[in-house]
């Protein structure tokens, strides 16, 4: 998916080739009546699943105070409880088993939310651009979207840049969690893969494949980028300012659709 901006160390834009998912064309939206635009803007709602660790409290706190406020619901999932910040305590150390439990918890508690975004605390996401990206997609169909990479014959979505799942994709995934032959939780040498690859294998058994190549542009940088990865807490704060507050004098922006952040999002 997403704009994978690797910012470890001293970043240099010139040295990176970024991948950005393009949002749908604006022309069709511009022809819609205002009432229809409002209806569309309210129907796309996102549950953010943010995987954290107690030792990364600063990243955790920064994600909580910045971009995650623009999710319709944001839940932080941890291997253990932390006094300083609220999270769902999964009581699990294994990364793949932890991700499975988090996805199952999100599915069981989604309510009327139909899109799911999985991220690390070092990811910065522009949720409005994510909503625009999936606007013309039916969450009743199985979508597994992101910056797709290949490992042999397996195509998987890069975890660091964020993973988008539709409700149907997550429903199928949760269903196959019960099949230890196709989607084991742990204990087999062949399954000593990263959690992003394990996720792709399980989804593949349900007929859900990673989507990316048709919707990607290359270069730096898209004006509709969805995520940036490998961010430090300070970089997240700067991104928050640049995305939601900073405007050049004399420039006006007239987008055809407005995704209003949830109540309590006091960053913009």
C-alpha atoms as a PDB file:
ATOM      1  CA  UNK A   1       0.000   0.000   0.000  1.00  0.00           C
ATOM      2  CA  UNK A   2       1.399   2.539   0.740  1.00  0.00           C
ATOM      3  CA  UNK A   3       4.077   4.986   0.754  1.00  0.00           C
ATOM      4  CA  UNK A   4       6.842   3.076   2.309  1.00  0.00           C
ATOM      5  CA  UNK A   5       9.156   5.818   3.473  1.00  0.00           C
ATOM      6  CA  UNK A   6      12.106   4.125   5.118  1.00  0.00           C
ATOM      7  CA  UNK A   7      13.368   6.763   7.502  1.00  0.00           C
ATOM      8  CA  UNK A   8      15.742   4.823   9.692  1.00  0.00           C
ATOM      9  CA  UNK A   9      18.864   6.785  10.359  1.00  0.00           C
ATOM     10  CA  UNK A  10      19.207   9.936   8.265  1.00  0.00           C
ATOM     11  CA  UNK A  11      16.639   9.687   5.469  1.00  0.00           C
ATOM     12  CA  UNK A  12      17.352  10.906   1.976  1.00  0.00           C
ATOM     13  CA  UNK A  13      14.464  11.237  -0.430  1.00  0.00           C
ATOM     14  CA  UNK A  14      16.796  10.945  -3.416  1.00  0.00           C
ATOM     15  CA  UNK A  15      18.041   7.515  -2.312  1.00  0.00           C
ATOM     16  CA  UNK A  16      14.646   5.855  -1.999  1.00  0.00           C
ATOM     17  CA  UNK A  17      12.159   4.522  -4.499  1.00  0.00           C
ATOM     18  CA  UNK A  18       8.796   4.697  -2.803  1.00  0.00           C
ATOM     19  CA  UNK A  19       5.610   2.859  -3.672  1.00  0.00           C
ATOM     20  CA  UNK A  20       2.327   4.695  -3.292  1.00  0.00           C
ATOM     21  CA  UNK A  21      -1.179   3.441  -3.919  1.00  0.00           C
ATOM     22  CA  UNK A  22      -3.240   5.745  -6.070  1.00  0.00           C
ATOM     23  CA  UNK A  23      -6.720   6.669  -4.954  1.00  0.00           C
ATOM     24  CA  UNK A  24      -9.629   6.385  -7.394  1.00  0.00           C
ATOM     25  CA  UNK A  25     -10.110   9.074 -10.030  1.00  0.00           C
ATOM     26  CA  UNK A  26     -11.790  12.277  -8.850  1.00  0.00           C
ATOM     27  CA  UNK A  27     -13.748  12.931 -12.036  1.00  0.00           C
ATOM     28  CA  UNK A  28     -16.623  10.612 -11.204  1.00  0.00           C
ATOM     29  CA  UNK A  29     -16.864  11.946  -7.652  1.00  0.00           C
ATOM     30  CA  UNK A  30     -17.049  15.518  -8.884  1.00  0.00           C
ATOM     31  CA  UNK A  31     -20.180  14.727 -10.870  1.00  0.00           C
ATOM     32  CA  UNK A  32     -22.054  13.365  -7.862  1.00  0.00           C
ATOM     33  CA  UNK A  33     -24.687  15.420  -5.990  1.00  0.00           C
ATOM     34  CA  UNK A  34     -23.527  16.847  -2.660  1.00  0.00           C
ATOM     35  CA  UNK A  35     -25.907  14.606  -0.716  1.00  0.00           C
ATOM     36  CA  UNK A  36     -24.390  11.527  -2.348  1.00  0.00           C
ATOM     37  CA  UNK A  37     -20.869  12.736  -1.586  1.00  0.00           C
ATOM     38  CA  UNK A  38     -21.802  13.142   2.076  1.00  0.00           C
ATOM     39  CA  UNK A  39     -23.293   9.658   2.142  1.00  0.00           C
ATOM     40  CA  UNK A  40     -20.135   8.187   0.621  1.00  0.00           C
ATOM     41  CA  UNK A  41     -17.876  10.041   3.047  1.00  0.00           C
ATOM     42  CA  UNK A  42     -19.775   8.603   6.003  1.00  0.00           C
ATOM     43  CA  UNK A  43     -19.943   4.993   4.829  1.00  0.00           C
ATOM     44  CA  UNK A  44     -16.202   4.269   4.759  1.00  0.00           C
ATOM     45  CA  UNK A  45     -15.122   3.651   8.344  1.00  0.00           C
ATOM     46  CA  UNK A  46     -11.858   2.120   9.492  1.00  0.00           C
ATOM     47  CA  UNK A  47     -10.823   0.004  12.476  1.00  0.00           C
ATOM     48  CA  UNK A  48      -7.105   0.526  13.128  1.00  0.00           C
ATOM     49  CA  UNK A  49      -5.228  -2.427  14.620  1.00  0.00           C
ATOM     50  CA  UNK A  50      -1.931  -1.136  15.995  1.00  0.00           C
ATOM     51  CA  UNK A  51       0.540  -3.732  17.255  1.00  0.00           C
ATOM     52  CA  UNK A  52       2.714  -2.386  20.062  1.00  0.00           C
ATOM     53  CA  UNK A  53       5.224  -3.549  22.659  1.00  0.00           C
ATOM     54  CA  UNK A  54       5.716  -2.261  26.221  1.00  0.00           C
ATOM     55  CA  UNK A  55       9.355  -1.462  25.490  1.00  0.00           C
ATOM     56  CA  UNK A  56       8.280   0.935  22.738  1.00  0.00           C
ATOM     57  CA  UNK A  57       6.210   3.293  24.874  1.00  0.00           C
ATOM     58  CA  UNK A  58       7.313   6.476  23.105  1.00  0.00           C
ATOM     59  CA  UNK A  59       6.287   5.225  19.655  1.00  0.00           C
ATOM     60  CA  UNK A  60       3.088   3.855  21.158  1.00  0.00           C
ATOM     61  CA  UNK A  61       2.211   7.146  22.861  1.00  0.00           C
ATOM     62  CA  UNK A  62       2.982   9.155  19.733  1.00  0.00           C
ATOM     63  CA  UNK A  63       0.836   6.973  17.480  1.00  0.00           C
ATOM     64  CA  UNK A  64      -1.958   7.274  20.036  1.00  0.00           C
ATOM     65  CA  UNK A  65      -1.744  11.071  20.127  1.00  0.00           C
ATOM     66  CA  UNK A  66      -1.349  11.660  16.379  1.00  0.00           C
ATOM     67  CA  UNK A  67      -2.636   9.786  13.336  1.00  0.00           C
ATOM     68  CA  UNK A  68      -4.617   7.055  15.133  1.00  0.00           C
ATOM     69  CA  UNK A  69      -7.120   9.697  16.306  1.00  0.00           C
ATOM     70  CA  UNK A  70      -8.339   9.839  12.728  1.00  0.00           C
ATOM     71  CA  UNK A  71      -9.362   6.171  12.768  1.00  0.00           C
ATOM     72  CA  UNK A  72     -13.042   5.543  13.440  1.00  0.00           C
ATOM     73  CA  UNK A  73     -11.818   3.100  16.039  1.00  0.00           C
ATOM     74  CA  UNK A  74      -8.216   2.506  17.092  1.00  0.00           C
ATOM     75  CA  UNK A  75      -7.118  -0.364  19.302  1.00  0.00           C
ATOM     76  CA  UNK A  76      -3.594  -1.005  20.513  1.00  0.00           C
ATOM     77  CA  UNK A  77      -2.601  -4.638  20.979  1.00  0.00           C
ATOM     78  CA  UNK A  78       0.302  -5.612  23.210  1.00  0.00           C
ATOM     79  CA  UNK A  79       2.047  -8.745  24.433  1.00  0.00           C
ATOM     80  CA  UNK A  80       1.438  -7.580  27.997  1.00  0.00           C
ATOM     81  CA  UNK A  81      -0.291  -4.801  29.871  1.00  0.00           C
ATOM     82  CA  UNK A  82       1.341  -1.436  30.436  1.00  0.00           C
ATOM     83  CA  UNK A  83       0.354   0.956  33.207  1.00  0.00           C
ATOM     84  CA  UNK A  84       1.062   4.075  31.197  1.00  0.00           C
ATOM     85  CA  UNK A  85      -1.091   3.339  28.133  1.00  0.00           C
ATOM     86  CA  UNK A  86      -4.282   1.452  27.467  1.00  0.00           C
ATOM     87  CA  UNK A  87      -4.064  -1.637  25.266  1.00  0.00           C
ATOM     88  CA  UNK A  88      -5.628  -5.014  24.669  1.00  0.00           C
ATOM     89  CA  UNK A  89      -3.373  -7.419  26.565  1.00  0.00           C
ATOM     90  CA  UNK A  90      -3.003 -10.494  24.354  1.00  0.00           C
ATOM     91  CA  UNK A  91      -0.773 -12.320  26.858  1.00  0.00           C
ATOM     92  CA  UNK A  92       1.291 -13.656  23.981  1.00  0.00           C
ATOM     93  CA  UNK A  93       4.952 -13.218  23.023  1.00  0.00           C
ATOM     94  CA  UNK A  94       5.046 -14.968  19.648  1.00  0.00           C
ATOM     95  CA  UNK A  95       4.533 -12.318  16.958  1.00  0.00           C
ATOM     96  CA  UNK A  96       2.395 -14.430  14.636  1.00  0.00           C
ATOM     97  CA  UNK A  97       0.208 -15.775  17.425  1.00  0.00           C
ATOM     98  CA  UNK A  98      -0.163 -12.230  18.744  1.00  0.00           C
ATOM     99  CA  UNK A  99      -1.244 -10.901  15.351  1.00  0.00           C
ATOM    100  CA  UNK A 100      -3.787 -13.712  14.986  1.00  0.00           C
ATOM    101  CA  UNK A 101      -5.319 -12.889  18.351  1.00  0.00           C
ATOM    102  CA  UNK A 102      -5.453  -9.190  17.516  1.00  0.00           C
ATOM    103  CA  UNK A 103      -7.193  -9.836  14.198  1.00  0.00           C
ATOM    104  CA  UNK A 104      -9.705 -12.156  15.844  1.00  0.00           C
ATOM    105  CA  UNK A 105     -10.400  -9.567  18.563  1.00  0.00           C
ATOM    106  CA  UNK A 106     -10.905  -6.827  15.967  1.00  0.00           C
ATOM    107  CA  UNK A 107     -13.261  -9.020  13.942  1.00  0.00           C
ATOM    108  CA  UNK A 108     -15.332  -9.851  17.022  1.00  0.00           C
ATOM    109  CA  UNK A 109     -15.546  -6.204  18.089  1.00  0.00           C
ATOM    110  CA  UNK A 110     -15.867  -4.419  14.753  1.00  0.00           C
ATOM    111  CA  UNK A 111     -19.549  -3.576  15.037  1.00  0.00           C
ATOM    112  CA  UNK A 112     -20.504  -1.766  11.846  1.00  0.00           C
ATOM    113  CA  UNK A 113     -16.916  -1.081  10.737  1.00  0.00           C
ATOM    114  CA  UNK A 114     -16.041  -2.792   7.463  1.00  0.00           C
ATOM    115  CA  UNK A 115     -12.398  -1.934   6.810  1.00  0.00           C
ATOM    116  CA  UNK A 116      -9.370  -2.868   8.898  1.00  0.00           C
ATOM    117  CA  UNK A 117      -5.918  -1.326   8.890  1.00  0.00           C
ATOM    118  CA  UNK A 118      -3.040  -3.205  10.543  1.00  0.00           C
ATOM    119  CA  UNK A 119       0.030  -1.174  11.452  1.00  0.00           C
ATOM    120  CA  UNK A 120       3.133  -1.063  13.573  1.00  0.00           C
ATOM    121  CA  UNK A 121       3.702   1.896  15.916  1.00  0.00           C
ATOM    122  CA  UNK A 122       6.483   3.112  13.585  1.00  0.00           C
ATOM    123  CA  UNK A 123       3.941   3.588  10.781  1.00  0.00           C
ATOM    124  CA  UNK A 124       2.338   6.955  10.091  1.00  0.00           C
ATOM    125  CA  UNK A 125      -0.995   6.735   8.267  1.00  0.00           C
ATOM    126  CA  UNK A 126      -3.168   9.354   6.616  1.00  0.00           C
ATOM    127  CA  UNK A 127      -6.531   7.733   7.239  1.00  0.00           C
ATOM    128  CA  UNK A 128      -8.466  10.101   4.966  1.00  0.00           C
ATOM    129  CA  UNK A 129      -6.332   8.965   2.019  1.00  0.00           C
ATOM    130  CA  UNK A 130      -6.903   5.342   3.019  1.00  0.00           C
ATOM    131  CA  UNK A 131     -10.653   5.925   2.994  1.00  0.00           C
ATOM    132  CA  UNK A 132     -10.398   7.540  -0.419  1.00  0.00           C
ATOM    133  CA  UNK A 133      -8.394   4.551  -1.649  1.00  0.00           C
ATOM    134  CA  UNK A 134     -11.104   2.032  -0.733  1.00  0.00           C
ATOM    135  CA  UNK A 135     -14.049   4.290  -1.502  1.00  0.00           C
ATOM    136  CA  UNK A 136     -15.142   2.394  -4.623  1.00  0.00           C
ATOM    137  CA  UNK A 137     -14.389  -1.045  -3.195  1.00  0.00           C
ATOM    138  CA  UNK A 138     -17.001  -3.333  -1.663  1.00  0.00           C
ATOM    139  CA  UNK A 139     -15.948  -4.569   1.821  1.00  0.00           C
ATOM    140  CA  UNK A 140     -18.180  -7.567   1.178  1.00  0.00           C
ATOM    141  CA  UNK A 141     -15.517  -8.688  -1.309  1.00  0.00           C
ATOM    142  CA  UNK A 142     -12.132 -10.050  -0.141  1.00  0.00           C
ATOM    143  CA  UNK A 143      -9.536  -7.280  -0.337  1.00  0.00           C
ATOM    144  CA  UNK A 144      -5.980  -7.626   0.995  1.00  0.00           C
ATOM    145  CA  UNK A 145      -4.233  -4.409  -0.007  1.00  0.00           C
ATOM    146  CA  UNK A 146      -0.816  -2.930   0.530  1.00  0.00           C
ATOM    147  CA  UNK A 147       2.727  -2.654  -0.716  1.00  0.00           C
ATOM    148  CA  UNK A 148       2.891  -6.172  -2.178  1.00  0.00           C
ATOM    149  CA  UNK A 149       6.264  -7.909  -2.320  1.00  0.00           C
ATOM    150  CA  UNK A 150       7.283 -11.346  -3.607  1.00  0.00           C
ATOM    151  CA  UNK A 151       9.178 -14.113  -1.837  1.00  0.00           C
ATOM    152  CA  UNK A 152       9.506 -17.002  -4.256  1.00  0.00           C
ATOM    153  CA  UNK A 153       5.968 -17.794  -5.355  1.00  0.00           C
ATOM    154  CA  UNK A 154       4.399 -16.030  -2.392  1.00  0.00           C
ATOM    155  CA  UNK A 155       3.115 -12.499  -2.781  1.00  0.00           C
ATOM    156  CA  UNK A 156       2.528 -10.745   0.520  1.00  0.00           C
ATOM    157  CA  UNK A 157       1.781  -7.262   1.811  1.00  0.00           C
ATOM    158  CA  UNK A 158       4.608  -5.546   3.648  1.00  0.00           C
ATOM    159  CA  UNK A 159       3.695  -5.199   7.327  1.00  0.00           C
ATOM    160  CA  UNK A 160       5.855  -2.140   7.926  1.00  0.00           C
ATOM    161  CA  UNK A 161       3.858  -0.084   5.418  1.00  0.00           C
ATOM    162  CA  UNK A 162       0.479  -1.179   6.749  1.00  0.00           C
ATOM    163  CA  UNK A 163      -2.026  -3.832   5.705  1.00  0.00           C
ATOM    164  CA  UNK A 164      -5.612  -3.146   4.643  1.00  0.00           C
ATOM    165  CA  UNK A 165      -8.223  -5.898   4.944  1.00  0.00           C
ATOM    166  CA  UNK A 166     -11.882  -5.782   4.012  1.00  0.00           C
ATOM    167  CA  UNK A 167     -14.456  -7.376   6.288  1.00  0.00           C
ATOM    168  CA  UNK A 168     -14.829 -10.345   3.938  1.00  0.00           C
ATOM    169  CA  UNK A 169     -11.072 -10.959   3.822  1.00  0.00           C
ATOM    170  CA  UNK A 170     -10.902 -10.852   7.614  1.00  0.00           C
ATOM    171  CA  UNK A 171     -13.933 -13.130   7.915  1.00  0.00           C
ATOM    172  CA  UNK A 172     -12.243 -15.749   5.739  1.00  0.00           C
ATOM    173  CA  UNK A 173      -8.982 -15.358   7.622  1.00  0.00           C
ATOM    174  CA  UNK A 174     -10.575 -15.835  11.036  1.00  0.00           C
ATOM    175  CA  UNK A 175     -12.335 -18.905   9.674  1.00  0.00           C
ATOM    176  CA  UNK A 176      -9.123 -20.576   8.543  1.00  0.00           C
ATOM    177  CA  UNK A 177      -7.429 -19.907  11.885  1.00  0.00           C
ATOM    178  CA  UNK A 178      -9.211 -23.084  13.011  1.00  0.00           C
ATOM    179  CA  UNK A 179      -7.459 -25.181  10.344  1.00  0.00           C
ATOM    180  CA  UNK A 180      -4.112 -26.182  11.844  1.00  0.00           C
ATOM    181  CA  UNK A 181      -3.030 -27.902   8.636  1.00  0.00           C
ATOM    182  CA  UNK A 182      -3.386 -24.823   6.453  1.00  0.00           C
ATOM    183  CA  UNK A 183      -2.880 -22.061   8.995  1.00  0.00           C
ATOM    184  CA  UNK A 184      -1.087 -23.359  12.110  1.00  0.00           C
ATOM    185  CA  UNK A 185      -0.546 -21.015  15.007  1.00  0.00           C
ATOM    186  CA  UNK A 186       2.931 -22.207  15.895  1.00  0.00           C
ATOM    187  CA  UNK A 187       5.298 -25.114  16.255  1.00  0.00           C
ATOM    188  CA  UNK A 188       6.228 -26.174  12.709  1.00  0.00           C
ATOM    189  CA  UNK A 189       9.637 -25.520  11.228  1.00  0.00           C
ATOM    190  CA  UNK A 190       8.184 -24.670   7.833  1.00  0.00           C
ATOM    191  CA  UNK A 191       6.168 -21.913   9.480  1.00  0.00           C
ATOM    192  CA  UNK A 192       9.163 -20.039  10.832  1.00  0.00           C
ATOM    193  CA  UNK A 193       8.263 -17.147   8.612  1.00  0.00           C
ATOM    194  CA  UNK A 194       7.660 -13.516   9.391  1.00  0.00           C
ATOM    195  CA  UNK A 195       4.102 -12.767  10.414  1.00  0.00           C
ATOM    196  CA  UNK A 196       3.468 -10.817   7.190  1.00  0.00           C
ATOM    197  CA  UNK A 197       4.275 -13.932   5.138  1.00  0.00           C
ATOM    198  CA  UNK A 198       2.325 -16.228   7.427  1.00  0.00           C
ATOM    199  CA  UNK A 199      -0.662 -13.939   7.027  1.00  0.00           C
ATOM    200  CA  UNK A 200      -0.340 -14.087   3.232  1.00  0.00           C
ATOM    201  CA  UNK A 201      -0.154 -17.894   3.221  1.00  0.00           C
ATOM    202  CA  UNK A 202      -3.287 -18.230   5.341  1.00  0.00           C
ATOM    203  CA  UNK A 203      -5.172 -15.727   3.200  1.00  0.00           C
ATOM    204  CA  UNK A 204      -4.038 -17.500   0.031  1.00  0.00           C
ATOM    205  CA  UNK A 205      -5.672 -20.710   1.256  1.00  0.00           C
ATOM    206  CA  UNK A 206      -8.966 -18.805   1.445  1.00  0.00           C
ATOM    207  CA  UNK A 207      -8.587 -17.445  -2.079  1.00  0.00           C
ATOM    208  CA  UNK A 208      -7.509 -13.957  -1.002  1.00  0.00           C
ATOM    209  CA  UNK A 209      -4.411 -12.618  -2.745  1.00  0.00           C
ATOM    210  CA  UNK A 210      -2.350  -9.491  -2.175  1.00  0.00           C
ATOM    211  CA  UNK A 211      -3.330  -6.539  -4.339  1.00  0.00           C
ATOM    212  CA  UNK A 212      -0.958  -3.828  -5.354  1.00  0.00           C
ATOM    213  CA  UNK A 213       0.679  -3.747  -8.816  1.00  0.00           C
ATOM    214  CA  UNK A 214      -2.236  -2.306 -10.857  1.00  0.00           C
ATOM    215  CA  UNK A 215      -2.693   0.548  -8.387  1.00  0.00           C
ATOM    216  CA  UNK A 216       0.892   1.584  -7.782  1.00  0.00           C
ATOM    217  CA  UNK A 217       2.928   4.471  -9.015  1.00  0.00           C
ATOM    218  CA  UNK A 218       6.659   4.641  -8.465  1.00  0.00           C
ATOM    219  CA  UNK A 219       8.800   7.550  -7.474  1.00  0.00           C
ATOM    220  CA  UNK A 220       8.696  10.086  -4.703  1.00  0.00           C
ATOM    221  CA  UNK A 221       6.205  11.102  -3.704  1.00  0.00           C
ATOM    222  CA  UNK A 222       2.464  10.747  -4.356  1.00  0.00           C
ATOM    223  CA  UNK A 223       0.213  13.572  -3.178  1.00  0.00           C
ATOM    224  CA  UNK A 224      -2.271  10.912  -2.045  1.00  0.00           C
ATOM    225  CA  UNK A 225       0.150   8.682  -0.125  1.00  0.00           C
ATOM    226  CA  UNK A 226      -1.481   6.601   2.593  1.00  0.00           C
ATOM    227  CA  UNK A 227       1.368   5.557   4.882  1.00  0.00           C
ATOM    228  CA  UNK A 228       4.981   6.260   5.706  1.00  0.00           C
ATOM    229  CA  UNK A 229       6.976   3.621   7.530  1.00  0.00           C
ATOM    230  CA  UNK A 230      10.000   3.565   9.809  1.00  0.00           C
ATOM    231  CA  UNK A 231       9.047   6.850  11.456  1.00  0.00           C
ATOM    232  CA  UNK A 232      10.521   8.192  14.676  1.00  0.00           C
ATOM    233  CA  UNK A 233       8.196   9.873  17.207  1.00  0.00           C
ATOM    234  CA  UNK A 234       9.560  13.295  16.242  1.00  0.00           C
ATOM    235  CA  UNK A 235       8.992  12.596  12.564  1.00  0.00           C
ATOM    236  CA  UNK A 236       5.404  11.596  13.311  1.00  0.00           C
ATOM    237  CA  UNK A 237       4.791  14.925  15.029  1.00  0.00           C
ATOM    238  CA  UNK A 238       6.258  16.792  12.058  1.00  0.00           C
ATOM    239  CA  UNK A 239       4.123  14.742   9.655  1.00  0.00           C
ATOM    240  CA  UNK A 240       1.028  15.516  11.703  1.00  0.00           C
ATOM    241  CA  UNK A 241       1.754  19.220  11.459  1.00  0.00           C
ATOM    242  CA  UNK A 242       2.538  19.075   7.757  1.00  0.00           C
ATOM    243  CA  UNK A 243      -0.477  16.966   6.786  1.00  0.00           C
ATOM    244  CA  UNK A 244      -3.201  18.538   8.915  1.00  0.00           C
ATOM    245  CA  UNK A 245      -2.113  22.090   9.741  1.00  0.00           C
ATOM    246  CA  UNK A 246       0.443  23.570   7.365  1.00  0.00           C
ATOM    247  CA  UNK A 247      -0.893  25.362   4.265  1.00  0.00           C
ATOM    248  CA  UNK A 248       0.942  27.654   1.841  1.00  0.00           C
ATOM    249  CA  UNK A 249      -0.520  31.160   1.852  1.00  0.00           C
ATOM    250  CA  UNK A 250      -2.582  31.897  -1.227  1.00  0.00           C
ATOM    251  CA  UNK A 251      -3.357  28.271  -2.009  1.00  0.00           C
ATOM    252  CA  UNK A 252      -6.842  26.893  -1.556  1.00  0.00           C
ATOM    253  CA  UNK A 253      -7.847  23.234  -1.701  1.00  0.00           C
ATOM    254  CA  UNK A 254     -11.204  22.147  -3.082  1.00  0.00           C
ATOM    255  CA  UNK A 255     -11.494  18.399  -2.704  1.00  0.00           C
ATOM    256  CA  UNK A 256     -14.672  16.829  -4.023  1.00  0.00           C
ATOM    257  CA  UNK A 257     -15.163  14.671  -0.949  1.00  0.00           C
ATOM    258  CA  UNK A 258     -14.563  15.321   2.732  1.00  0.00           C
ATOM    259  CA  UNK A 259     -13.780  12.616   5.283  1.00  0.00           C
ATOM    260  CA  UNK A 260     -14.387  14.215   8.644  1.00  0.00           C
ATOM    261  CA  UNK A 261     -12.293  12.791  11.501  1.00  0.00           C
ATOM    262  CA  UNK A 262     -14.145  11.192  14.412  1.00  0.00           C
ATOM    263  CA  UNK A 263     -15.127  13.238  17.443  1.00  0.00           C
ATOM    264  CA  UNK A 264     -12.172  13.614  19.764  1.00  0.00           C
ATOM    265  CA  UNK A 265      -9.693  14.037  16.939  1.00  0.00           C
ATOM    266  CA  UNK A 266      -8.255  17.352  18.038  1.00  0.00           C
ATOM    267  CA  UNK A 267      -5.209  17.461  15.793  1.00  0.00           C
ATOM    268  CA  UNK A 268      -6.572  19.529  12.958  1.00  0.00           C
END
